[in-house]
Amino acid sequence: MEEAATVAGGGRGEQTWRRPPPMKVMVAIDESDGSFYALQWVLDHLLGVGGIVPSNEPSVEATGMITLLHVQQPFHHHVYPVGPGGGGAAAAFYGTSSSFQEGVRLAQAEASAALLARAMRMCSDKMVKAETLIMEGESKDTICQATEQTHVDLLVVGSRGLGKIKRAFLGSVSDYCAHHAKCAVLIVKPSGDSSQPQSGAAKP
């Protein structure tokens, strides 16, 4: 919802100023330095632009929101080889120890919480409203899915600076999102990284 105000027009009569609609921004956060660089870039350069303003403003509806997204890799059962007499080298069974699985999930949760706590502190230091979102899945698809579910206006992802060989085999999360996300995409790379453009945008 736009906010209107009447201001003096400097000899041209009164003019109507309208606050731009709030922008919903999602920043993908992982353990890489690139993702935190991207968040810092957003806080330094988009602060006060397009509806993202300090959190001392009255409401989220008026100011917009940054969503900090972290994608956890799906939990996979570990496969253990069976010893002699257990069916040969090809035989295996899935480890289903509940305590082992719980330990892995707890470690994931703690790591995710630590990453997002760091990101939230960065937002708090700039007095910017933020919320956190944790999803599970493959990063590329899950990030794009999250943008659709939350109806964000802009997705911001960092460049991990993959080399040409790794990029050819593994692909780039940022490149994938730029081509598949149903919103504008901004790719932020650290200074001195010449592996890809400074930023990119994709729209449906």
Protein backbone atom coordinates (compact mmCIF):
# COMPACT_ATOMS: atom_id res chain seq x y z
CA MET A 1 0.00 0.00 0.00
CA GLU A 2 1.40 3.36 -1.05
CA GLU A 3 1.64 6.28 1.37
CA ALA A 4 0.87 9.72 -0.06
CA ALA A 5 1.89 13.15 1.16
CA THR A 6 1.46 16.65 -0.24
CA VAL A 7 4.61 18.77 -0.52
CA ALA A 8 5.35 22.27 -1.75
CA GLY A 9 6.38 22.40 -5.38
CA GLY A 10 8.78 25.35 -5.31
CA GLY A 11 6.57 27.73 -7.27
CA ARG A 12 4.87 24.99 -9.24
CA GLY A 13 2.10 24.43 -6.72
CA GLU A 14 1.60 21.45 -4.46
CA GLN A 15 2.85 18.06 -5.56
CA THR A 16 1.95 14.62 -4.30
CA TRP A 17 4.77 12.35 -3.09
CA ARG A 18 4.11 8.66 -2.72
CA ARG A 19 6.23 6.24 -0.76
CA PRO A 20 7.27 3.41 -3.08
CA PRO A 21 5.69 0.06 -2.26
CA PRO A 22 7.76 -2.02 0.17
CA MET A 23 10.26 -4.37 -1.44
CA LYS A 24 10.54 -7.94 -0.24
CA VAL A 25 14.12 -9.14 -0.56
CA MET A 26 15.46 -12.65 -0.01
CA VAL A 27 19.16 -13.26 0.62
CA ALA A 28 20.47 -16.83 0.35
CA ILE A 29 22.81 -17.58 3.26
CA ASP A 30 25.25 -20.49 3.45
CA GLU A 31 28.66 -21.14 4.99
CA SER A 32 30.51 -19.33 2.19
CA ASP A 33 32.03 -15.89 2.60
CA GLY A 34 30.31 -14.94 -0.64
CA SER A 35 26.83 -15.16 0.86
CA PHE A 36 27.72 -12.88 3.76
CA TYR A 37 29.43 -10.48 1.37
CA ALA A 38 26.18 -10.38 -0.61
CA LEU A 39 24.16 -9.66 2.53
CA GLN A 40 26.53 -6.88 3.54
CA TRP A 41 26.27 -5.42 0.05
CA VAL A 42 22.47 -5.37 0.34
CA LEU A 43 22.65 -3.68 3.74
CA ASP A 44 25.14 -1.10 2.48
CA HIS A 45 23.63 -0.32 -0.92
CA LEU A 46 19.90 -1.09 -0.80
CA LEU A 47 19.29 0.47 2.62
CA GLY A 48 16.58 3.07 2.18
CA VAL A 49 16.00 2.13 -1.47
CA GLY A 50 12.76 0.69 -2.79
CA GLY A 51 11.13 0.41 0.61
CA ILE A 52 13.93 -1.17 2.66
CA VAL A 53 14.50 1.27 5.49
CA PRO A 54 15.72 1.19 9.10
CA SER A 55 13.61 -0.78 11.54
CA ASN A 56 12.62 2.25 13.61
CA GLU A 57 9.92 2.83 11.01
CA PRO A 58 6.41 1.87 12.16
CA SER A 59 5.66 -1.41 10.42
CA VAL A 60 6.86 -4.12 8.08
CA GLU A 61 4.09 -3.14 5.66
CA ALA A 62 5.64 0.32 5.41
CA THR A 63 9.29 -0.67 5.36
CA GLY A 64 9.66 -4.03 3.66
CA MET A 65 11.51 -7.08 4.92
CA ILE A 66 14.68 -9.03 4.25
CA THR A 67 14.22 -12.79 4.38
CA LEU A 68 17.39 -14.72 5.22
CA LEU A 69 17.12 -18.15 3.61
CA HIS A 70 19.34 -21.09 4.50
CA VAL A 71 18.97 -24.41 2.69
CA GLN A 72 20.03 -27.55 4.54
CA GLN A 73 21.18 -30.51 2.50
CA PRO A 74 18.79 -33.46 2.77
CA PHE A 75 19.74 -36.17 5.24
CA HIS A 76 20.98 -39.34 3.56
CA HIS A 77 21.21 -42.75 5.19
CA HIS A 78 24.80 -43.92 5.37
CA VAL A 79 25.60 -47.22 3.68
CA TYR A 80 27.92 -49.65 5.44
CA PRO A 81 29.54 -52.73 3.79
CA VAL A 82 28.60 -56.09 5.23
CA GLY A 83 31.46 -58.21 6.60
CA PRO A 84 32.54 -61.71 5.51
CA GLY A 85 29.71 -64.18 5.26
CA GLY A 86 27.16 -61.43 5.02
CA GLY A 87 26.43 -61.69 1.33
CA GLY A 88 29.65 -60.60 -0.37
CA ALA A 89 31.17 -57.25 -1.26
CA ALA A 90 28.06 -56.07 -3.04
CA ALA A 91 25.82 -56.48 -0.02
CA ALA A 92 25.16 -53.46 2.19
CA PHE A 93 22.65 -52.19 4.66
CA TYR A 94 21.45 -48.77 5.67
CA GLY A 95 22.46 -47.47 9.05
CA THR A 96 19.21 -46.66 10.82
CA SER A 97 20.48 -45.88 14.30
CA SER A 98 18.05 -43.30 15.63
CA SER A 99 20.74 -41.79 17.85
CA PHE A 100 23.10 -41.39 14.89
CA GLN A 101 20.42 -39.75 12.75
CA GLU A 102 19.41 -37.48 15.59
CA GLY A 103 23.02 -36.46 16.08
CA VAL A 104 23.40 -35.53 12.42
CA ARG A 105 20.18 -33.54 12.40
CA LEU A 106 21.13 -31.76 15.61
CA ALA A 107 24.50 -30.80 14.12
CA GLN A 108 22.73 -29.48 11.01
CA ALA A 109 20.30 -27.45 13.11
CA GLU A 110 23.09 -25.95 15.21
CA ALA A 111 25.12 -25.02 12.14
CA SER A 112 22.08 -23.44 10.47
CA ALA A 113 21.20 -21.49 13.61
CA ALA A 114 24.75 -20.16 13.91
CA LEU A 115 24.81 -18.98 10.28
CA LEU A 116 21.45 -17.23 10.54
CA ALA A 117 22.29 -15.70 13.92
CA ARG A 118 25.36 -14.11 12.33
CA ALA A 119 23.24 -12.82 9.45
CA MET A 120 20.59 -11.46 11.83
CA ARG A 121 23.25 -9.57 13.78
CA MET A 122 24.40 -7.93 10.56
CA CYS A 123 20.83 -6.78 9.87
CA SER A 124 20.36 -5.63 13.45
CA ASP A 125 23.54 -3.55 13.26
CA LYS A 126 21.98 -1.70 10.31
CA MET A 127 18.55 -1.56 12.04
CA VAL A 128 16.96 -3.49 9.18
CA LYS A 129 14.01 -5.78 9.77
CA ALA A 130 14.76 -9.40 8.89
CA GLU A 131 13.26 -12.84 9.25
CA THR A 132 14.84 -16.27 8.86
CA LEU A 133 13.72 -19.26 6.84
CA ILE A 134 15.28 -22.73 6.85
CA MET A 135 14.37 -25.23 4.14
CA GLU A 136 15.73 -28.64 3.21
CA GLY A 137 16.63 -29.83 -0.26
CA GLU A 138 19.03 -29.25 -3.12
CA SER A 139 20.13 -25.62 -2.98
CA LYS A 140 19.36 -24.63 -6.57
CA ASP A 141 15.78 -25.88 -6.72
CA THR A 142 14.93 -25.06 -3.12
CA ILE A 143 16.00 -21.43 -3.37
CA CYS A 144 13.85 -20.95 -6.47
CA GLN A 145 10.95 -22.71 -4.75
CA ALA A 146 11.31 -20.41 -1.74
CA THR A 147 11.08 -17.28 -3.89
CA GLU A 148 7.76 -18.52 -5.30
CA GLN A 149 6.34 -19.47 -1.92
CA THR A 150 7.24 -16.16 -0.28
CA HIS A 151 6.50 -13.94 -3.32
CA VAL A 152 9.67 -11.90 -2.92
CA ASP A 153 10.52 -9.10 -5.32
CA LEU A 154 14.28 -9.67 -5.38
CA LEU A 155 16.55 -12.64 -4.73
CA VAL A 156 20.15 -11.87 -3.79
CA VAL A 157 22.80 -14.57 -4.03
CA GLY A 158 26.55 -14.46 -3.61
CA SER A 159 29.10 -15.72 -6.07
CA ARG A 160 31.15 -18.63 -4.74
CA GLY A 161 33.87 -18.05 -7.33
CA LEU A 162 33.93 -21.57 -8.76
CA GLY A 163 36.72 -22.30 -11.18
CA LYS A 164 35.91 -23.14 -14.78
CA ILE A 165 36.23 -26.90 -14.24
CA LYS A 166 34.06 -26.99 -11.11
CA ARG A 167 31.53 -24.70 -12.76
CA ALA A 168 31.32 -27.04 -15.77
CA PHE A 169 30.70 -30.14 -13.63
CA LEU A 170 28.79 -28.74 -10.67
CA GLY A 171 27.14 -25.72 -12.17
CA SER A 172 26.58 -22.49 -10.31
CA VAL A 173 23.73 -21.95 -7.86
CA SER A 174 23.69 -18.26 -8.74
CA ASP A 175 23.59 -18.95 -12.49
CA TYR A 176 20.78 -21.47 -12.02
CA CYS A 177 18.72 -19.06 -9.93
CA ALA A 178 19.24 -16.28 -12.46
CA HIS A 179 17.62 -18.45 -15.12
CA HIS A 180 14.91 -20.19 -13.09
CA ALA A 181 13.77 -17.93 -10.24
CA LYS A 182 10.40 -16.26 -10.80
CA CYS A 183 11.63 -12.87 -9.61
CA ALA A 184 14.47 -10.44 -10.20
CA VAL A 185 17.87 -11.87 -9.23
CA LEU A 186 20.93 -9.95 -8.10
CA ILE A 187 24.28 -11.79 -8.08
CA VAL A 188 26.90 -10.14 -5.90
CA LYS A 189 30.53 -11.13 -6.26
CA PRO A 190 33.45 -10.17 -4.01
CA SER A 191 35.85 -7.53 -5.29
CA GLY A 192 38.55 -8.99 -7.50
CA ASP A 193 36.48 -11.99 -8.62
CA SER A 194 36.45 -11.84 -12.41
CA SER A 195 34.75 -15.20 -12.94
CA GLN A 196 31.34 -13.64 -13.58
CA PRO A 197 29.61 -10.27 -13.85
CA GLN A 198 29.09 -8.06 -10.81
CA SER A 199 25.35 -8.55 -10.93
CA GLY A 200 22.66 -10.10 -13.02
CA ALA A 201 18.90 -10.03 -13.18
CA ALA A 202 16.28 -12.47 -14.37
CA LYS A 203 12.56 -11.99 -14.60
CA PRO A 204 9.87 -14.48 -15.47
